[in-house]
Amino acid sequence: NSVAIAWRFRDDEPESGGTVATASGDVVLFLYGMTEVQIREAANSVMRANYWPRYIVASLLTDAHMEDSGTTNWADITGTPTQTKITTGNVLTGTAALHVIYTVVDTSVGQSLAVQPEEQLAVTATGKLTAGSWVLQAYDVTNAAVIRTSGTLTGNDSWQTAWFQVSVPSGCYSVSVRIINKTAATTVDIDHVGVLSDRQ
């Protein structure tokens, strides 16, 4: 938690001020007799004393924020992808993400929730690819039919969010929310999956 501070004193104010050497994020430092070490110590003291709360997604799904240990709530639905929880690297919010490795196209992980016909659902998932591509899908388990699938997300090294709103079909009482790979060799870290309802 060190704070790097670099400056060069101006000739006209050698004791009371200075400017940071040109770089991105330049700031003006008014030293008032303080040393570089004192400034660093003060900044580090403030950083250690502050608690920075983490954002956690609101969702009807169990372990939607991926904070629970293990992957029991994010089981294989189609095929046998490999899923684990990670706590370093590709974690956007909270302290963990679901790391999924797919090897066969159109396999999936996910979970189901109880719903009522005509219920309105807002469905979202945020993930970061290492390889391949993925989609988010809402599936009618009762009638064995796809309700809606997001557009395909591609491109490595950036967080992407898939989302849509659906109306639960007539006669549907269970919806499965799925993360599906659209390229055989796909590795994605899912930070959170949100499902909100107008009735629950």
C-alpha atoms as a PDB file:
ATOM      1  CA  ASN A   1       0.000   0.000   0.000  1.00  0.00           C
ATOM      2  CA  SER A   2       2.815   2.412  -0.675  1.00  0.00           C
ATOM      3  CA  VAL A   3       2.152   5.671  -2.459  1.00  0.00           C
ATOM      4  CA  ALA A   4       4.772   6.645  -5.004  1.00  0.00           C
ATOM      5  CA  ILE A   5       5.432  10.379  -4.959  1.00  0.00           C
ATOM      6  CA  ALA A   6       7.888  12.024  -7.309  1.00  0.00           C
ATOM      7  CA  TRP A   7       8.356  15.733  -7.830  1.00  0.00           C
ATOM      8  CA  ARG A   8      10.806  18.356  -8.942  1.00  0.00           C
ATOM      9  CA  PHE A   9      10.948  21.656  -7.090  1.00  0.00           C
ATOM     10  CA  ARG A  10      10.332  24.834  -9.023  1.00  0.00           C
ATOM     11  CA  ASP A  11      13.134  27.361  -8.934  1.00  0.00           C
ATOM     12  CA  ASP A  12      10.851  30.146  -7.764  1.00  0.00           C
ATOM     13  CA  GLU A  13       9.428  28.197  -4.789  1.00  0.00           C
ATOM     14  CA  PRO A  14      12.069  25.752  -3.610  1.00  0.00           C
ATOM     15  CA  GLU A  15      10.667  25.372  -0.092  1.00  0.00           C
ATOM     16  CA  SER A  16       6.885  25.673  -0.302  1.00  0.00           C
ATOM     17  CA  GLY A  17       5.760  23.778  -3.342  1.00  0.00           C
ATOM     18  CA  GLY A  18       6.564  21.489  -6.211  1.00  0.00           C
ATOM     19  CA  THR A  19       5.064  19.640  -9.118  1.00  0.00           C
ATOM     20  CA  VAL A  20       5.019  15.975  -9.940  1.00  0.00           C
ATOM     21  CA  ALA A  21       7.268  14.962 -12.810  1.00  0.00           C
ATOM     22  CA  THR A  22       5.190  14.782 -15.977  1.00  0.00           C
ATOM     23  CA  ALA A  23       3.267  11.501 -16.145  1.00  0.00           C
ATOM     24  CA  SER A  24      -0.327  10.365 -16.177  1.00  0.00           C
ATOM     25  CA  GLY A  25      -2.251  11.439 -13.097  1.00  0.00           C
ATOM     26  CA  ASP A  26      -0.093  14.490 -12.306  1.00  0.00           C
ATOM     27  CA  VAL A  27      -0.880  16.373  -9.111  1.00  0.00           C
ATOM     28  CA  VAL A  28       0.500  19.474  -7.422  1.00  0.00           C
ATOM     29  CA  LEU A  29       2.103  18.931  -4.022  1.00  0.00           C
ATOM     30  CA  PHE A  30       2.261  21.677  -1.415  1.00  0.00           C
ATOM     31  CA  LEU A  31       4.797  20.315   1.024  1.00  0.00           C
ATOM     32  CA  TYR A  32       4.835  22.951   3.777  1.00  0.00           C
ATOM     33  CA  GLY A  33       8.035  21.521   5.192  1.00  0.00           C
ATOM     34  CA  MET A  34       6.963  17.861   5.091  1.00  0.00           C
ATOM     35  CA  THR A  35       9.274  15.210   3.719  1.00  0.00           C
ATOM     36  CA  GLU A  36       8.402  12.598   1.110  1.00  0.00           C
ATOM     37  CA  VAL A  37       8.487   9.899   3.814  1.00  0.00           C
ATOM     38  CA  GLN A  38       6.014  11.808   6.007  1.00  0.00           C
ATOM     39  CA  ILE A  39       3.608  12.195   3.077  1.00  0.00           C
ATOM     40  CA  ARG A  40       3.786   8.486   2.292  1.00  0.00           C
ATOM     41  CA  GLU A  41       3.244   7.526   5.934  1.00  0.00           C
ATOM     42  CA  ALA A  42       0.211   9.813   6.210  1.00  0.00           C
ATOM     43  CA  ALA A  43      -1.336   8.418   3.004  1.00  0.00           C
ATOM     44  CA  ASN A  44      -0.720   4.826   4.097  1.00  0.00           C
ATOM     45  CA  SER A  45      -2.236   5.531   7.514  1.00  0.00           C
ATOM     46  CA  VAL A  46      -5.454   6.797   5.901  1.00  0.00           C
ATOM     47  CA  MET A  47      -5.611   3.813   3.535  1.00  0.00           C
ATOM     48  CA  ARG A  48      -5.224   1.332   6.400  1.00  0.00           C
ATOM     49  CA  ALA A  49      -7.864   3.090   8.513  1.00  0.00           C
ATOM     50  CA  ASN A  50     -10.559   3.118   5.836  1.00  0.00           C
ATOM     51  CA  TYR A  51     -12.904   0.224   5.146  1.00  0.00           C
ATOM     52  CA  TRP A  52     -13.968   0.083   1.512  1.00  0.00           C
ATOM     53  CA  PRO A  53     -17.262  -1.838   1.170  1.00  0.00           C
ATOM     54  CA  ARG A  54     -17.650  -4.168  -1.801  1.00  0.00           C
ATOM     55  CA  TYR A  55     -20.593  -4.220  -4.174  1.00  0.00           C
ATOM     56  CA  ILE A  56     -22.538  -7.474  -4.156  1.00  0.00           C
ATOM     57  CA  VAL A  57     -25.261  -8.153  -6.716  1.00  0.00           C
ATOM     58  CA  ALA A  58     -28.916  -8.472  -5.697  1.00  0.00           C
ATOM     59  CA  SER A  59     -30.393 -11.677  -7.079  1.00  0.00           C
ATOM     60  CA  LEU A  60     -32.972 -14.400  -6.490  1.00  0.00           C
ATOM     61  CA  LEU A  61     -30.325 -17.028  -7.271  1.00  0.00           C
ATOM     62  CA  THR A  62     -28.333 -18.778  -4.570  1.00  0.00           C
ATOM     63  CA  ASP A  63     -24.665 -17.716  -4.536  1.00  0.00           C
ATOM     64  CA  ALA A  64     -25.303 -15.237  -7.350  1.00  0.00           C
ATOM     65  CA  HIS A  65     -22.340 -13.177  -6.110  1.00  0.00           C
ATOM     66  CA  MET A  66     -20.049 -16.263  -6.099  1.00  0.00           C
ATOM     67  CA  GLU A  67     -19.043 -15.625  -2.482  1.00  0.00           C
ATOM     68  CA  ASP A  68     -20.037 -19.067  -1.145  1.00  0.00           C
ATOM     69  CA  SER A  69     -17.287 -21.684  -1.020  1.00  0.00           C
ATOM     70  CA  GLY A  70     -17.548 -24.480  -3.566  1.00  0.00           C
ATOM     71  CA  THR A  71     -19.552 -24.722  -6.779  1.00  0.00           C
ATOM     72  CA  THR A  72     -22.550 -26.774  -5.607  1.00  0.00           C
ATOM     73  CA  ASN A  73     -24.973 -24.039  -6.632  1.00  0.00           C
ATOM     74  CA  TRP A  74     -23.462 -23.786 -10.126  1.00  0.00           C
ATOM     75  CA  ALA A  75     -23.815 -27.329 -11.385  1.00  0.00           C
ATOM     76  CA  ASP A  76     -23.364 -28.772 -14.866  1.00  0.00           C
ATOM     77  CA  ILE A  77     -26.599 -28.610 -16.846  1.00  0.00           C
ATOM     78  CA  THR A  78     -25.439 -29.744 -20.279  1.00  0.00           C
ATOM     79  CA  GLY A  79     -22.138 -31.563 -20.724  1.00  0.00           C
ATOM     80  CA  THR A  80     -19.354 -31.558 -18.145  1.00  0.00           C
ATOM     81  CA  PRO A  81     -17.545 -28.229 -17.975  1.00  0.00           C
ATOM     82  CA  THR A  82     -15.128 -27.730 -15.105  1.00  0.00           C
ATOM     83  CA  GLN A  83     -15.946 -25.021 -12.594  1.00  0.00           C
ATOM     84  CA  THR A  84     -14.022 -23.726  -9.582  1.00  0.00           C
ATOM     85  CA  LYS A  85     -14.082 -20.591  -7.448  1.00  0.00           C
ATOM     86  CA  ILE A  86     -11.225 -18.104  -7.712  1.00  0.00           C
ATOM     87  CA  THR A  87     -10.361 -15.287  -5.304  1.00  0.00           C
ATOM     88  CA  THR A  88      -7.521 -13.642  -7.209  1.00  0.00           C
ATOM     89  CA  GLY A  89      -7.157 -12.459 -10.785  1.00  0.00           C
ATOM     90  CA  ASN A  90     -10.473 -11.981 -12.578  1.00  0.00           C
ATOM     91  CA  VAL A  91     -12.678 -10.867  -9.697  1.00  0.00           C
ATOM     92  CA  LEU A  92     -14.660  -7.703 -10.392  1.00  0.00           C
ATOM     93  CA  THR A  93     -16.892  -7.338  -7.324  1.00  0.00           C
ATOM     94  CA  GLY A  94     -16.937  -9.063  -3.970  1.00  0.00           C
ATOM     95  CA  THR A  95     -14.094 -11.483  -3.254  1.00  0.00           C
ATOM     96  CA  ALA A  96     -14.631 -14.399  -5.655  1.00  0.00           C
ATOM     97  CA  ALA A  97     -15.685 -15.422  -9.153  1.00  0.00           C
ATOM     98  CA  LEU A  98     -16.794 -18.645 -10.854  1.00  0.00           C
ATOM     99  CA  HIS A  99     -14.033 -19.939 -13.155  1.00  0.00           C
ATOM    100  CA  VAL A 100     -15.493 -22.187 -15.886  1.00  0.00           C
ATOM    101  CA  ILE A 101     -13.533 -24.184 -18.453  1.00  0.00           C
ATOM    102  CA  TYR A 102     -15.487 -25.627 -21.391  1.00  0.00           C
ATOM    103  CA  THR A 103     -14.125 -28.067 -23.977  1.00  0.00           C
ATOM    104  CA  VAL A 104     -17.245 -29.029 -25.960  1.00  0.00           C
ATOM    105  CA  VAL A 105     -19.450 -26.383 -27.597  1.00  0.00           C
ATOM    106  CA  ASP A 106     -22.922 -25.636 -26.177  1.00  0.00           C
ATOM    107  CA  THR A 107     -22.352 -27.020 -22.708  1.00  0.00           C
ATOM    108  CA  SER A 108     -23.584 -25.101 -19.684  1.00  0.00           C
ATOM    109  CA  VAL A 109     -23.571 -24.389 -15.972  1.00  0.00           C
ATOM    110  CA  GLY A 110     -26.392 -22.728 -14.092  1.00  0.00           C
ATOM    111  CA  GLN A 111     -29.234 -23.104 -11.644  1.00  0.00           C
ATOM    112  CA  SER A 112     -33.024 -23.024 -11.558  1.00  0.00           C
ATOM    113  CA  LEU A 113     -35.543 -20.979  -9.623  1.00  0.00           C
ATOM    114  CA  ALA A 114     -39.259 -21.298  -9.040  1.00  0.00           C
ATOM    115  CA  VAL A 115     -41.409 -18.807 -10.977  1.00  0.00           C
ATOM    116  CA  GLN A 116     -45.020 -18.108 -11.941  1.00  0.00           C
ATOM    117  CA  PRO A 117     -46.445 -17.679 -15.457  1.00  0.00           C
ATOM    118  CA  GLU A 118     -46.291 -14.079 -16.739  1.00  0.00           C
ATOM    119  CA  GLU A 119     -43.770 -13.108 -14.047  1.00  0.00           C
ATOM    120  CA  GLN A 120     -41.306 -10.504 -15.369  1.00  0.00           C
ATOM    121  CA  LEU A 121     -37.637 -11.351 -14.888  1.00  0.00           C
ATOM    122  CA  ALA A 122     -34.567  -9.186 -15.404  1.00  0.00           C
ATOM    123  CA  VAL A 123     -31.570 -11.456 -16.011  1.00  0.00           C
ATOM    124  CA  THR A 124     -27.920 -10.395 -16.101  1.00  0.00           C
ATOM    125  CA  ALA A 125     -24.427 -11.883 -15.889  1.00  0.00           C
ATOM    126  CA  THR A 126     -20.978 -10.306 -15.974  1.00  0.00           C
ATOM    127  CA  GLY A 127     -17.934 -12.277 -17.070  1.00  0.00           C
ATOM    128  CA  LYS A 128     -14.419 -12.004 -18.418  1.00  0.00           C
ATOM    129  CA  LEU A 129     -13.127 -14.357 -21.097  1.00  0.00           C
ATOM    130  CA  THR A 130      -9.666 -15.836 -21.347  1.00  0.00           C
ATOM    131  CA  ALA A 131     -10.637 -17.725 -24.504  1.00  0.00           C
ATOM    132  CA  GLY A 132     -13.716 -18.516 -26.553  1.00  0.00           C
ATOM    133  CA  SER A 133     -17.239 -17.057 -26.281  1.00  0.00           C
ATOM    134  CA  TRP A 134     -20.360 -17.354 -24.120  1.00  0.00           C
ATOM    135  CA  VAL A 135     -24.043 -16.476 -23.849  1.00  0.00           C
ATOM    136  CA  LEU A 136     -26.555 -16.056 -21.039  1.00  0.00           C
ATOM    137  CA  GLN A 137     -29.786 -18.016 -21.375  1.00  0.00           C
ATOM    138  CA  ALA A 138     -33.155 -18.277 -19.609  1.00  0.00           C
ATOM    139  CA  TYR A 139     -34.652 -21.740 -20.122  1.00  0.00           C
ATOM    140  CA  ASP A 140     -38.185 -22.969 -19.392  1.00  0.00           C
ATOM    141  CA  VAL A 141     -37.549 -26.159 -17.420  1.00  0.00           C
ATOM    142  CA  THR A 142     -41.243 -27.031 -17.121  1.00  0.00           C
ATOM    143  CA  ASN A 143     -41.831 -27.082 -20.888  1.00  0.00           C
ATOM    144  CA  ALA A 144     -38.238 -27.834 -22.010  1.00  0.00           C
ATOM    145  CA  ALA A 145     -37.912 -24.712 -24.163  1.00  0.00           C
ATOM    146  CA  VAL A 146     -35.553 -21.769 -24.507  1.00  0.00           C
ATOM    147  CA  ILE A 147     -37.150 -18.513 -23.353  1.00  0.00           C
ATOM    148  CA  ARG A 148     -34.367 -16.153 -24.408  1.00  0.00           C
ATOM    149  CA  THR A 149     -30.649 -16.167 -25.161  1.00  0.00           C
ATOM    150  CA  SER A 150     -28.375 -13.137 -25.084  1.00  0.00           C
ATOM    151  CA  GLY A 151     -26.094 -12.148 -27.913  1.00  0.00           C
ATOM    152  CA  THR A 152     -22.743 -13.921 -28.013  1.00  0.00           C
ATOM    153  CA  LEU A 153     -19.993 -12.308 -25.940  1.00  0.00           C
ATOM    154  CA  THR A 154     -16.472 -12.518 -27.333  1.00  0.00           C
ATOM    155  CA  GLY A 155     -13.165 -10.783 -26.776  1.00  0.00           C
ATOM    156  CA  ASN A 156     -10.613 -11.464 -24.088  1.00  0.00           C
ATOM    157  CA  ASP A 157      -9.322  -9.288 -21.257  1.00  0.00           C
ATOM    158  CA  SER A 158     -12.395  -7.128 -20.674  1.00  0.00           C
ATOM    159  CA  TRP A 159     -15.443  -7.457 -18.433  1.00  0.00           C
ATOM    160  CA  GLN A 160     -18.678  -7.872 -20.389  1.00  0.00           C
ATOM    161  CA  THR A 161     -22.294  -8.006 -19.287  1.00  0.00           C
ATOM    162  CA  ALA A 162     -25.133  -9.934 -20.902  1.00  0.00           C
ATOM    163  CA  TRP A 163     -28.654  -8.955 -19.874  1.00  0.00           C
ATOM    164  CA  PHE A 164     -32.272  -9.125 -20.952  1.00  0.00           C
ATOM    165  CA  GLN A 165     -35.810  -9.018 -19.607  1.00  0.00           C
ATOM    166  CA  VAL A 166     -38.290 -11.850 -20.143  1.00  0.00           C
ATOM    167  CA  SER A 167     -41.876 -12.701 -19.364  1.00  0.00           C
ATOM    168  CA  VAL A 168     -42.275 -16.210 -17.955  1.00  0.00           C
ATOM    169  CA  PRO A 169     -44.286 -18.281 -20.470  1.00  0.00           C
ATOM    170  CA  SER A 170     -47.721 -19.720 -19.757  1.00  0.00           C
ATOM    171  CA  GLY A 171     -47.478 -23.006 -17.852  1.00  0.00           C
ATOM    172  CA  CYS A 172     -43.866 -22.404 -16.783  1.00  0.00           C
ATOM    173  CA  TYR A 173     -43.042 -22.866 -13.093  1.00  0.00           C
ATOM    174  CA  SER A 174     -39.264 -23.283 -13.187  1.00  0.00           C
ATOM    175  CA  VAL A 175     -36.660 -21.248 -15.070  1.00  0.00           C
ATOM    176  CA  SER A 176     -33.034 -22.246 -15.452  1.00  0.00           C
ATOM    177  CA  VAL A 177     -30.443 -19.486 -15.836  1.00  0.00           C
ATOM    178  CA  ARG A 178     -27.486 -20.805 -17.819  1.00  0.00           C
ATOM    179  CA  ILE A 179     -24.001 -19.752 -18.865  1.00  0.00           C
ATOM    180  CA  ILE A 180     -23.349 -21.506 -22.195  1.00  0.00           C
ATOM    181  CA  ASN A 181     -20.167 -21.591 -24.256  1.00  0.00           C
ATOM    182  CA  LYS A 182     -20.459 -20.941 -27.998  1.00  0.00           C
ATOM    183  CA  THR A 183     -16.870 -21.911 -28.803  1.00  0.00           C
ATOM    184  CA  ALA A 184     -15.569 -25.354 -27.866  1.00  0.00           C
ATOM    185  CA  ALA A 185     -12.471 -24.120 -26.022  1.00  0.00           C
ATOM    186  CA  THR A 186     -13.882 -21.447 -23.741  1.00  0.00           C
ATOM    187  CA  THR A 187     -12.629 -20.206 -20.383  1.00  0.00           C
ATOM    188  CA  VAL A 188     -14.664 -17.534 -18.612  1.00  0.00           C
ATOM    189  CA  ASP A 189     -14.741 -16.048 -15.123  1.00  0.00           C
ATOM    190  CA  ILE A 190     -18.283 -15.164 -14.067  1.00  0.00           C
ATOM    191  CA  ASP A 191     -18.328 -12.463 -11.417  1.00  0.00           C
ATOM    192  CA  HIS A 192     -22.066 -12.477 -10.710  1.00  0.00           C
ATOM    193  CA  VAL A 193     -25.432 -13.545 -12.113  1.00  0.00           C
ATOM    194  CA  GLY A 194     -28.448 -11.440 -11.262  1.00  0.00           C
ATOM    195  CA  VAL A 195     -32.141 -12.321 -11.502  1.00  0.00           C
ATOM    196  CA  LEU A 196     -34.800  -9.880 -10.301  1.00  0.00           C
ATOM    197  CA  SER A 197     -38.562 -10.290 -10.466  1.00  0.00           C
ATOM    198  CA  ASP A 198     -41.612  -8.069 -10.356  1.00  0.00           C
ATOM    199  CA  ARG A 199     -43.268 -10.550  -7.982  1.00  0.00           C
ATOM    200  CA  GLN A 200     -40.564 -11.940  -5.689  1.00  0.00           C
END
